Amino acid sequence: MAPIWKSYFDEAKGIIFVIDVSNPQQISVASIQLKEVLAYKLPTLVVLNKSDILSVTSVNEMKYLLRLNQLFLVCESYMSVVETSCQDKTGFQDIFKWLRTF
């Protein structure tokens, strides 16, 4: 799917990039794809979904593995991160607030 993303970015005002943090096997792929998305220099909201699920890797470890702190140094003006849970709606207000900025 990632190779065709650029064809959708022409009209985009921002990107919501959702990562399933309960699936640590996908973190390296997500990190690479996130870096590619950030290259478009569009405001990007990184959603760390399923942060309520206790897994082998904590949310803080996921942030480290995704190298979010390093990415913030490069693109802090257009990247935000929110932790969410669809079960208890944690983080939803933050997503809606981010969307209202457009």
PDB file of N, CA and C in Angstrom:
ATOM      1  N   MET A   1       0.814  -1.204   0.000  1.00  0.00           N
ATOM      2  CA  MET A   1       0.000   0.000   0.000  1.00  0.00           C
ATOM      3  C   MET A   1       0.857   1.268   0.000  1.00  0.00           C
ATOM      4  N   ALA A   2       1.954   1.257   0.731  1.00  0.00           N
ATOM      5  CA  ALA A   2       2.781   2.451   0.862  1.00  0.00           C
ATOM      6  C   ALA A   2       3.237   3.046  -0.474  1.00  0.00           C
ATOM      7  N   PRO A   3       3.610   2.255  -1.482  1.00  0.00           N
ATOM      8  CA  PRO A   3       4.075   2.852  -2.735  1.00  0.00           C
ATOM      9  C   PRO A   3       3.043   3.745  -3.427  1.00  0.00           C
ATOM     10  N   ILE A   4       1.768   3.557  -3.179  1.00  0.00           N
ATOM     11  CA  ILE A   4       0.759   4.384  -3.850  1.00  0.00           C
ATOM     12  C   ILE A   4       0.303   5.563  -3.001  1.00  0.00           C
ATOM     13  N   TRP A   5       0.791   5.686  -1.774  1.00  0.00           N
ATOM     14  CA  TRP A   5       0.363   6.786  -0.909  1.00  0.00           C
ATOM     15  C   TRP A   5       0.578   8.139  -1.538  1.00  0.00           C
ATOM     16  N   LYS A   6       1.733   8.338  -2.182  1.00  0.00           N
ATOM     17  CA  LYS A   6       2.051   9.665  -2.725  1.00  0.00           C
ATOM     18  C   LYS A   6       0.993  10.165  -3.697  1.00  0.00           C
ATOM     19  N   SER A   7       0.287   9.264  -4.349  1.00  0.00           N
ATOM     20  CA  SER A   7      -0.754   9.702  -5.282  1.00  0.00           C
ATOM     21  C   SER A   7      -1.960  10.291  -4.556  1.00  0.00           C
ATOM     22  N   TYR A   8      -2.050  10.092  -3.261  1.00  0.00           N
ATOM     23  CA  TYR A   8      -3.169  10.635  -2.483  1.00  0.00           C
ATOM     24  C   TYR A   8      -2.788  11.899  -1.730  1.00  0.00           C
ATOM     25  N   PHE A   9      -1.526  12.267  -1.689  1.00  0.00           N
ATOM     26  CA  PHE A   9      -1.077  13.374  -0.868  1.00  0.00           C
ATOM     27  C   PHE A   9      -1.257  14.742  -1.516  1.00  0.00           C
ATOM     28  N   ASP A  10      -1.524  14.815  -2.801  1.00  0.00           N
ATOM     29  CA  ASP A  10      -1.643  16.103  -3.475  1.00  0.00           C
ATOM     30  C   ASP A  10      -2.705  16.996  -2.843  1.00  0.00           C
ATOM     31  N   GLU A  11      -3.812  16.424  -2.486  1.00  0.00           N
ATOM     32  CA  GLU A  11      -4.922  17.195  -1.924  1.00  0.00           C
ATOM     33  C   GLU A  11      -4.969  17.160  -0.399  1.00  0.00           C
ATOM     34  N   ALA A  12      -4.062  16.437   0.221  1.00  0.00           N
ATOM     35  CA  ALA A  12      -4.100  16.262   1.678  1.00  0.00           C
ATOM     36  C   ALA A  12      -3.631  17.513   2.408  1.00  0.00           C
ATOM     37  N   LYS A  13      -4.281  17.790   3.524  1.00  0.00           N
ATOM     38  CA  LYS A  13      -3.872  18.887   4.395  1.00  0.00           C
ATOM     39  C   LYS A  13      -3.135  18.368   5.617  1.00  0.00           C
ATOM     40  N   GLY A  14      -3.217  17.072   5.825  1.00  0.00           N
ATOM     41  CA  GLY A  14      -2.551  16.444   6.954  1.00  0.00           C
ATOM     42  C   GLY A  14      -2.675  14.932   6.839  1.00  0.00           C
ATOM     43  N   ILE A  15      -1.914  14.236   7.672  1.00  0.00           N
ATOM     44  CA  ILE A  15      -1.901  12.777   7.636  1.00  0.00           C
ATOM     45  C   ILE A  15      -2.092  12.244   9.049  1.00  0.00           C
ATOM     46  N   ILE A  16      -2.927  11.240   9.161  1.00  0.00           N
ATOM     47  CA  ILE A  16      -3.050  10.498  10.416  1.00  0.00           C
ATOM     48  C   ILE A  16      -2.429   9.137  10.173  1.00  0.00           C
ATOM     49  N   PHE A  17      -1.341   8.854  10.878  1.00  0.00           N
ATOM     50  CA  PHE A  17      -0.580   7.625  10.717  1.00  0.00           C
ATOM     51  C   PHE A  17      -0.825   6.766  11.954  1.00  0.00           C
ATOM     52  N   VAL A  18      -1.556   5.671  11.791  1.00  0.00           N
ATOM     53  CA  VAL A  18      -1.958   4.826  12.923  1.00  0.00           C
ATOM     54  C   VAL A  18      -1.028   3.619  13.021  1.00  0.00           C
ATOM     55  N   ILE A  19      -0.530   3.389  14.240  1.00  0.00           N
ATOM     56  CA  ILE A  19       0.348   2.249  14.509  1.00  0.00           C
ATOM     57  C   ILE A  19      -0.285   1.397  15.599  1.00  0.00           C
ATOM     58  N   ASP A  20      -0.389   0.114  15.355  1.00  0.00           N
ATOM     59  CA  ASP A  20      -0.904  -0.838  16.342  1.00  0.00           C
ATOM     60  C   ASP A  20       0.242  -1.191  17.286  1.00  0.00           C
ATOM     61  N   VAL A  21       0.264  -0.583  18.470  1.00  0.00           N
ATOM     62  CA  VAL A  21       1.379  -0.818  19.390  1.00  0.00           C
ATOM     63  C   VAL A  21       1.299  -2.167  20.087  1.00  0.00           C
ATOM     64  N   SER A  22       0.210  -2.903  19.863  1.00  0.00           N
ATOM     65  CA  SER A  22       0.126  -4.244  20.449  1.00  0.00           C
ATOM     66  C   SER A  22       0.820  -5.277  19.563  1.00  0.00           C
ATOM     67  N   ASN A  23       1.340  -4.827  18.432  1.00  0.00           N
ATOM     68  CA  ASN A  23       1.993  -5.727  17.479  1.00  0.00           C
ATOM     69  C   ASN A  23       3.456  -5.306  17.285  1.00  0.00           C
ATOM     70  N   PRO A  24       4.334  -5.699  18.202  1.00  0.00           N
ATOM     71  CA  PRO A  24       5.727  -5.248  18.118  1.00  0.00           C
ATOM     72  C   PRO A  24       6.471  -5.726  16.875  1.00  0.00           C
ATOM     73  N   GLN A  25       5.992  -6.759  16.225  1.00  0.00           N
ATOM     74  CA  GLN A  25       6.656  -7.257  15.019  1.00  0.00           C
ATOM     75  C   GLN A  25       6.575  -6.253  13.870  1.00  0.00           C
ATOM     76  N   GLN A  26       5.624  -5.349  13.910  1.00  0.00           N
ATOM     77  CA  GLN A  26       5.443  -4.395  12.818  1.00  0.00           C
ATOM     78  C   GLN A  26       6.150  -3.059  13.048  1.00  0.00           C
ATOM     79  N   ILE A  27       6.824  -2.912  14.174  1.00  0.00           N
ATOM     80  CA  ILE A  27       7.412  -1.621  14.517  1.00  0.00           C
ATOM     81  C   ILE A  27       8.480  -1.172  13.525  1.00  0.00           C
ATOM     82  N   SER A  28       9.350  -2.055  13.091  1.00  0.00           N
ATOM     83  CA  SER A  28      10.403  -1.635  12.162  1.00  0.00           C
ATOM     84  C   SER A  28       9.806  -1.180  10.832  1.00  0.00           C
ATOM     85  N   VAL A  29       8.793  -1.873  10.357  1.00  0.00           N
ATOM     86  CA  VAL A  29       8.124  -1.473   9.113  1.00  0.00           C
ATOM     87  C   VAL A  29       7.420  -0.128   9.309  1.00  0.00           C
ATOM     88  N   ALA A  30       6.739   0.019  10.440  1.00  0.00           N
ATOM     89  CA  ALA A  30       6.032   1.270  10.718  1.00  0.00           C
ATOM     90  C   ALA A  30       7.007   2.438  10.805  1.00  0.00           C
ATOM     91  N   SER A  31       8.162   2.216  11.394  1.00  0.00           N
ATOM     92  CA  SER A  31       9.165   3.274  11.516  1.00  0.00           C
ATOM     93  C   SER A  31       9.639   3.738  10.145  1.00  0.00           C
ATOM     94  N   ILE A  32       9.912   2.811   9.264  1.00  0.00           N
ATOM     95  CA  ILE A  32      10.357   3.149   7.904  1.00  0.00           C
ATOM     96  C   ILE A  32       9.261   3.891   7.146  1.00  0.00           C
ATOM     97  N   GLN A  33       8.032   3.395   7.250  1.00  0.00           N
ATOM     98  CA  GLN A  33       6.924   4.041   6.552  1.00  0.00           C
ATOM     99  C   GLN A  33       6.647   5.432   7.110  1.00  0.00           C
ATOM    100  N   LEU A  34       6.775   5.587   8.427  1.00  0.00           N
ATOM    101  CA  LEU A  34       6.559   6.904   9.026  1.00  0.00           C
ATOM    102  C   LEU A  34       7.592   7.906   8.506  1.00  0.00           C
ATOM    103  N   LYS A  35       8.837   7.502   8.409  1.00  0.00           N
ATOM    104  CA  LYS A  35       9.859   8.389   7.872  1.00  0.00           C
ATOM    105  C   LYS A  35       9.531   8.797   6.434  1.00  0.00           C
ATOM    106  N   GLU A  36       9.013   7.869   5.647  1.00  0.00           N
ATOM    107  CA  GLU A  36       8.623   8.179   4.267  1.00  0.00           C
ATOM    108  C   GLU A  36       7.470   9.173   4.237  1.00  0.00           C
ATOM    109  N   VAL A  37       6.502   8.983   5.117  1.00  0.00           N
ATOM    110  CA  VAL A  37       5.353   9.882   5.182  1.00  0.00           C
ATOM    111  C   VAL A  37       5.791  11.284   5.601  1.00  0.00           C
ATOM    112  N   LEU A  38       6.678  11.366   6.579  1.00  0.00           N
ATOM    113  CA  LEU A  38       7.133  12.672   7.062  1.00  0.00           C
ATOM    114  C   LEU A  38       7.907  13.446   6.003  1.00  0.00           C
ATOM    115  N   ALA A  39       8.454  12.756   5.027  1.00  0.00           N
ATOM    116  CA  ALA A  39       9.188  13.423   3.950  1.00  0.00           C
ATOM    117  C   ALA A  39       8.278  14.331   3.123  1.00  0.00           C
ATOM    118  N   TYR A  40       6.978  14.116   3.177  1.00  0.00           N
ATOM    119  CA  TYR A  40       6.032  14.958   2.433  1.00  0.00           C
ATOM    120  C   TYR A  40       5.776  16.290   3.115  1.00  0.00           C
ATOM    121  N   LYS A  41       6.294  16.442   4.332  1.00  0.00           N
ATOM    122  CA  LYS A  41       6.210  17.698   5.085  1.00  0.00           C
ATOM    123  C   LYS A  41       4.785  18.180   5.292  1.00  0.00           C
ATOM    124  N   LEU A  42       3.875  17.249   5.439  1.00  0.00           N
ATOM    125  CA  LEU A  42       2.505  17.578   5.799  1.00  0.00           C
ATOM    126  C   LEU A  42       2.348  17.400   7.306  1.00  0.00           C
ATOM    127  N   PRO A  43       1.470  18.171   7.930  1.00  0.00           N
ATOM    128  CA  PRO A  43       1.216  17.937   9.351  1.00  0.00           C
ATOM    129  C   PRO A  43       0.803  16.474   9.549  1.00  0.00           C
ATOM    130  N   THR A  44       1.436  15.815  10.497  1.00  0.00           N
ATOM    131  CA  THR A  44       1.205  14.386  10.692  1.00  0.00           C
ATOM    132  C   THR A  44       0.887  14.104  12.147  1.00  0.00           C
ATOM    133  N   LEU A  45      -0.196  13.381  12.352  1.00  0.00           N
ATOM    134  CA  LEU A  45      -0.565  12.900  13.675  1.00  0.00           C
ATOM    135  C   LEU A  45      -0.250  11.415  13.725  1.00  0.00           C
ATOM    136  N   VAL A  46       0.651  11.042  14.617  1.00  0.00           N
ATOM    137  CA  VAL A  46       0.995   9.636  14.809  1.00  0.00           C
ATOM    138  C   VAL A  46       0.120   9.113  15.937  1.00  0.00           C
ATOM    139  N   VAL A  47      -0.735   8.144  15.622  1.00  0.00           N
ATOM    140  CA  VAL A  47      -1.658   7.565  16.597  1.00  0.00           C
ATOM    141  C   VAL A  47      -1.124   6.209  17.032  1.00  0.00           C
ATOM    142  N   LEU A  48      -0.777   6.119  18.301  1.00  0.00           N
ATOM    143  CA  LEU A  48      -0.326   4.847  18.866  1.00  0.00           C
ATOM    144  C   LEU A  48      -1.549   4.155  19.427  1.00  0.00           C
ATOM    145  N   ASN A  49      -2.158   3.320  18.594  1.00  0.00           N
ATOM    146  CA  ASN A  49      -3.434   2.688  18.938  1.00  0.00           C
ATOM    147  C   ASN A  49      -3.221   1.417  19.757  1.00  0.00           C
ATOM    148  N   LYS A  50      -4.230   1.072  20.530  1.00  0.00           N
ATOM    149  CA  LYS A  50      -4.236  -0.101  21.409  1.00  0.00           C
ATOM    150  C   LYS A  50      -3.212   0.040  22.538  1.00  0.00           C
ATOM    151  N   SER A  51      -3.016   1.281  22.985  1.00  0.00           N
ATOM    152  CA  SER A  51      -2.046   1.525  24.047  1.00  0.00           C
ATOM    153  C   SER A  51      -2.502   0.964  25.388  1.00  0.00           C
ATOM    154  N   ASP A  52      -3.756   0.553  25.468  1.00  0.00           N
ATOM    155  CA  ASP A  52      -4.282  -0.017  26.712  1.00  0.00           C
ATOM    156  C   ASP A  52      -3.982  -1.508  26.846  1.00  0.00           C
ATOM    157  N   ILE A  53      -3.568  -2.147  25.776  1.00  0.00           N
ATOM    158  CA  ILE A  53      -3.320  -3.588  25.803  1.00  0.00           C
ATOM    159  C   ILE A  53      -1.927  -3.850  26.354  1.00  0.00           C
ATOM    160  N   LEU A  54      -1.876  -4.651  27.373  1.00  0.00           N
ATOM    161  CA  LEU A  54      -0.590  -5.013  27.946  1.00  0.00           C
ATOM    162  C   LEU A  54       0.080  -6.029  27.032  1.00  0.00           C
ATOM    163  N   SER A  55       1.193  -5.639  26.498  1.00  0.00           N
ATOM    164  CA  SER A  55       1.925  -6.548  25.616  1.00  0.00           C
ATOM    165  C   SER A  55       3.359  -6.658  26.118  1.00  0.00           C
ATOM    166  N   VAL A  56       4.153  -7.350  25.394  1.00  0.00           N
ATOM    167  CA  VAL A  56       5.548  -7.535  25.774  1.00  0.00           C
ATOM    168  C   VAL A  56       6.278  -6.191  25.793  1.00  0.00           C
ATOM    169  N   THR A  57       5.911  -5.295  24.907  1.00  0.00           N
ATOM    170  CA  THR A  57       6.581  -4.011  24.757  1.00  0.00           C
ATOM    171  C   THR A  57       5.679  -2.891  25.261  1.00  0.00           C
ATOM    172  N   SER A  58       6.206  -2.025  26.122  1.00  0.00           N
ATOM    173  CA  SER A  58       5.424  -0.899  26.635  1.00  0.00           C
ATOM    174  C   SER A  58       5.323   0.191  25.570  1.00  0.00           C
ATOM    175  N   VAL A  59       4.404   1.134  25.787  1.00  0.00           N
ATOM    176  CA  VAL A  59       4.235   2.242  24.850  1.00  0.00           C
ATOM    177  C   VAL A  59       5.514   3.070  24.788  1.00  0.00           C
ATOM    178  N   ASN A  60       6.165   3.284  25.929  1.00  0.00           N
ATOM    179  CA  ASN A  60       7.425   4.041  25.922  1.00  0.00           C
ATOM    180  C   ASN A  60       8.499   3.324  25.117  1.00  0.00           C
ATOM    181  N   GLU A  61       8.550   2.016  25.215  1.00  0.00           N
ATOM    182  CA  GLU A  61       9.507   1.256  24.410  1.00  0.00           C
ATOM    183  C   GLU A  61       9.169   1.369  22.930  1.00  0.00           C
ATOM    184  N   MET A  62       7.874   1.361  22.616  1.00  0.00           N
ATOM    185  CA  MET A  62       7.456   1.521  21.219  1.00  0.00           C
ATOM    186  C   MET A  62       7.909   2.870  20.678  1.00  0.00           C
ATOM    187  N   LYS A  63       7.739   3.905  21.487  1.00  0.00           N
ATOM    188  CA  LYS A  63       8.182   5.238  21.061  1.00  0.00           C
ATOM    189  C   LYS A  63       9.682   5.239  20.791  1.00  0.00           C
ATOM    190  N   TYR A  64      10.421   4.552  21.640  1.00  0.00           N
ATOM    191  CA  TYR A  64      11.871   4.458  21.451  1.00  0.00           C
ATOM    192  C   TYR A  64      12.198   3.689  20.161  1.00  0.00           C
ATOM    193  N   LEU A  65      11.538   2.552  19.962  1.00  0.00           N
ATOM    194  CA  LEU A  65      11.797   1.738  18.771  1.00  0.00           C
ATOM    195  C   LEU A  65      11.425   2.470  17.486  1.00  0.00           C
ATOM    196  N   LEU A  66      10.395   3.293  17.556  1.00  0.00           N
ATOM    197  CA  LEU A  66       9.986   4.089  16.393  1.00  0.00           C
ATOM    198  C   LEU A  66      10.893   5.310  16.190  1.00  0.00           C
ATOM    199  N   ARG A  67      11.739   5.568  17.173  1.00  0.00           N
ATOM    200  CA  ARG A  67      12.655   6.705  17.158  1.00  0.00           C
ATOM    201  C   ARG A  67      11.906   8.028  17.064  1.00  0.00           C
ATOM    202  N   LEU A  68      10.808   8.122  17.794  1.00  0.00           N
ATOM    203  CA  LEU A  68       9.981   9.321  17.728  1.00  0.00           C
ATOM    204  C   LEU A  68      10.715  10.558  18.224  1.00  0.00           C
ATOM    205  N   ASN A  69      11.533  10.424  19.269  1.00  0.00           N
ATOM    206  CA  ASN A  69      12.275  11.585  19.758  1.00  0.00           C
ATOM    207  C   ASN A  69      13.200  12.140  18.688  1.00  0.00           C
ATOM    208  N   GLN A  70      13.857  11.270  17.936  1.00  0.00           N
ATOM    209  CA  GLN A  70      14.730  11.718  16.854  1.00  0.00           C
ATOM    210  C   GLN A  70      13.921  12.384  15.741  1.00  0.00           C
ATOM    211  N   LEU A  71      12.769  11.811  15.446  1.00  0.00           N
ATOM    212  CA  LEU A  71      11.925  12.390  14.397  1.00  0.00           C
ATOM    213  C   LEU A  71      11.389  13.760  14.814  1.00  0.00           C
ATOM    214  N   PHE A  72      11.076  13.923  16.102  1.00  0.00           N
ATOM    215  CA  PHE A  72      10.610  15.221  16.592  1.00  0.00           C
ATOM    216  C   PHE A  72      11.661  16.306  16.381  1.00  0.00           C
ATOM    217  N   LEU A  73      12.922  15.959  16.551  1.00  0.00           N
ATOM    218  CA  LEU A  73      13.985  16.945  16.368  1.00  0.00           C
ATOM    219  C   LEU A  73      14.037  17.453  14.937  1.00  0.00           C
ATOM    220  N   VAL A  74      13.698  16.584  14.008  1.00  0.00           N
ATOM    221  CA  VAL A  74      13.758  16.936  12.590  1.00  0.00           C
ATOM    222  C   VAL A  74      12.480  17.625  12.122  1.00  0.00           C
ATOM    223  N   CYS A  75      11.338  17.185  12.621  1.00  0.00           N
ATOM    224  CA  CYS A  75      10.067  17.692  12.080  1.00  0.00           C
ATOM    225  C   CYS A  75       9.077  18.075  13.174  1.00  0.00           C
ATOM    226  N   GLU A  76       9.554  18.676  14.244  1.00  0.00           N
ATOM    227  CA  GLU A  76       8.688  18.995  15.367  1.00  0.00           C
ATOM    228  C   GLU A  76       7.567  19.969  15.006  1.00  0.00           C
ATOM    229  N   SER A  77       7.747  20.743  13.967  1.00  0.00           N
ATOM    230  CA  SER A  77       6.718  21.722  13.629  1.00  0.00           C
ATOM    231  C   SER A  77       5.485  21.091  12.985  1.00  0.00           C
ATOM    232  N   TYR A  78       5.589  19.844  12.556  1.00  0.00           N
ATOM    233  CA  TYR A  78       4.426  19.268  11.889  1.00  0.00           C
ATOM    234  C   TYR A  78       4.137  17.827  12.288  1.00  0.00           C
ATOM    235  N   MET A  79       4.640  17.394  13.439  1.00  0.00           N
ATOM    236  CA  MET A  79       4.341  16.035  13.886  1.00  0.00           C
ATOM    237  C   MET A  79       3.844  16.060  15.322  1.00  0.00           C
ATOM    238  N   SER A  80       2.746  15.337  15.563  1.00  0.00           N
ATOM    239  CA  SER A  80       2.197  15.177  16.902  1.00  0.00           C
ATOM    240  C   SER A  80       1.973  13.693  17.138  1.00  0.00           C
ATOM    241  N   VAL A  81       1.989  13.301  18.410  1.00  0.00           N
ATOM    242  CA  VAL A  81       1.787  11.898  18.779  1.00  0.00           C
ATOM    243  C   VAL A  81       0.695  11.829  19.837  1.00  0.00           C
ATOM    244  N   VAL A  82      -0.203  10.857  19.672  1.00  0.00           N
ATOM    245  CA  VAL A  82      -1.247  10.623  20.671  1.00  0.00           C
ATOM    246  C   VAL A  82      -1.391   9.120  20.891  1.00  0.00           C
ATOM    247  N   GLU A  83      -1.569   8.742  22.138  1.00  0.00           N
ATOM    248  CA  GLU A  83      -1.839   7.347  22.480  1.00  0.00           C
ATOM    249  C   GLU A  83      -3.350   7.174  22.561  1.00  0.00           C
ATOM    250  N   THR A  84      -3.857   6.093  21.959  1.00  0.00           N
ATOM    251  CA  THR A  84      -5.301   5.886  21.945  1.00  0.00           C
ATOM    252  C   THR A  84      -5.671   4.466  22.359  1.00  0.00           C
ATOM    253  N   SER A  85      -6.938   4.367  22.739  1.00  0.00           N
ATOM    254  CA  SER A  85      -7.561   3.076  22.998  1.00  0.00           C
ATOM    255  C   SER A  85      -8.987   3.157  22.480  1.00  0.00           C
ATOM    256  N   CYS A  86      -9.331   2.302  21.560  1.00  0.00           N
ATOM    257  CA  CYS A  86     -10.692   2.300  21.030  1.00  0.00           C
ATOM    258  C   CYS A  86     -11.689   1.756  22.055  1.00  0.00           C
ATOM    259  N   GLN A  87     -11.200   0.941  22.972  1.00  0.00           N
ATOM    260  CA  GLN A  87     -12.106   0.368  23.966  1.00  0.00           C
ATOM    261  C   GLN A  87     -12.611   1.408  24.949  1.00  0.00           C
ATOM    262  N   ASP A  88     -11.712   2.240  25.472  1.00  0.00           N
ATOM    263  CA  ASP A  88     -12.166   3.225  26.459  1.00  0.00           C
ATOM    264  C   ASP A  88     -12.128   4.660  25.930  1.00  0.00           C
ATOM    265  N   LYS A  89     -11.882   4.812  24.637  1.00  0.00           N
ATOM    266  CA  LYS A  89     -11.885   6.110  23.938  1.00  0.00           C
ATOM    267  C   LYS A  89     -10.772   7.052  24.395  1.00  0.00           C
ATOM    268  N   THR A  90      -9.745   6.533  25.031  1.00  0.00           N
ATOM    269  CA  THR A  90      -8.600   7.355  25.427  1.00  0.00           C
ATOM    270  C   THR A  90      -7.954   7.954  24.188  1.00  0.00           C
ATOM    271  N   GLY A  91      -7.679   9.249  24.234  1.00  0.00           N
ATOM    272  CA  GLY A  91      -6.992   9.927  23.146  1.00  0.00           C
ATOM    273  C   GLY A  91      -7.885  10.447  22.041  1.00  0.00           C
ATOM    274  N   PHE A  92      -9.150  10.078  22.036  1.00  0.00           N
ATOM    275  CA  PHE A  92     -10.033  10.527  20.960  1.00  0.00           C
ATOM    276  C   PHE A  92     -10.179  12.044  20.934  1.00  0.00           C
ATOM    277  N   GLN A  93     -10.297  12.662  22.096  1.00  0.00           N
ATOM    278  CA  GLN A  93     -10.427  14.121  22.143  1.00  0.00           C
ATOM    279  C   GLN A  93      -9.191  14.798  21.564  1.00  0.00           C
ATOM    280  N   ASP A  94      -8.023  14.204  21.796  1.00  0.00           N
ATOM    281  CA  ASP A  94      -6.792  14.754  21.225  1.00  0.00           C
ATOM    282  C   ASP A  94      -6.793  14.665  19.704  1.00  0.00           C
ATOM    283  N   ILE A  95      -7.319  13.577  19.178  1.00  0.00           N
ATOM    284  CA  ILE A  95      -7.416  13.427  17.716  1.00  0.00           C
ATOM    285  C   ILE A  95      -8.369  14.467  17.151  1.00  0.00           C
ATOM    286  N   PHE A  96      -9.531  14.633  17.776  1.00  0.00           N
ATOM    287  CA  PHE A  96     -10.509  15.619  17.292  1.00  0.00           C
ATOM    288  C   PHE A  96      -9.930  17.036  17.369  1.00  0.00           C
ATOM    289  N   LYS A  97      -9.193  17.322  18.436  1.00  0.00           N
ATOM    290  CA  LYS A  97      -8.562  18.633  18.574  1.00  0.00           C
ATOM    291  C   LYS A  97      -7.563  18.860  17.449  1.00  0.00           C
ATOM    292  N   TRP A  98      -6.764  17.842  17.139  1.00  0.00           N
ATOM    293  CA  TRP A  98      -5.791  17.949  16.049  1.00  0.00           C
ATOM    294  C   TRP A  98      -6.499  18.186  14.709  1.00  0.00           C
ATOM    295  N   LEU A  99      -7.585  17.454  14.464  1.00  0.00           N
ATOM    296  CA  LEU A  99      -8.332  17.613  13.211  1.00  0.00           C
ATOM    297  C   LEU A  99      -8.920  19.012  13.068  1.00  0.00           C
ATOM    298  N   ARG A 100      -9.341  19.615  14.177  1.00  0.00           N
ATOM    299  CA  ARG A 100      -9.934  20.962  14.125  1.00  0.00           C
ATOM    300  C   ARG A 100      -8.923  22.035  13.740  1.00  0.00           C
ATOM    301  N   THR A 101      -7.634  21.714  13.794  1.00  0.00           N
ATOM    302  CA  THR A 101      -6.634  22.716  13.416  1.00  0.00           C
ATOM    303  C   THR A 101      -6.619  22.971  11.918  1.00  0.00           C
ATOM    304  N   PHE A 102      -7.338  22.150  11.165  1.00  0.00           N
ATOM    305  CA  PHE A 102      -7.384  22.319   9.717  1.00  0.00           C
ATOM    306  C   PHE A 102      -8.688  22.964   9.353  1.00  0.00           C
TER     307      PHE A 102
END
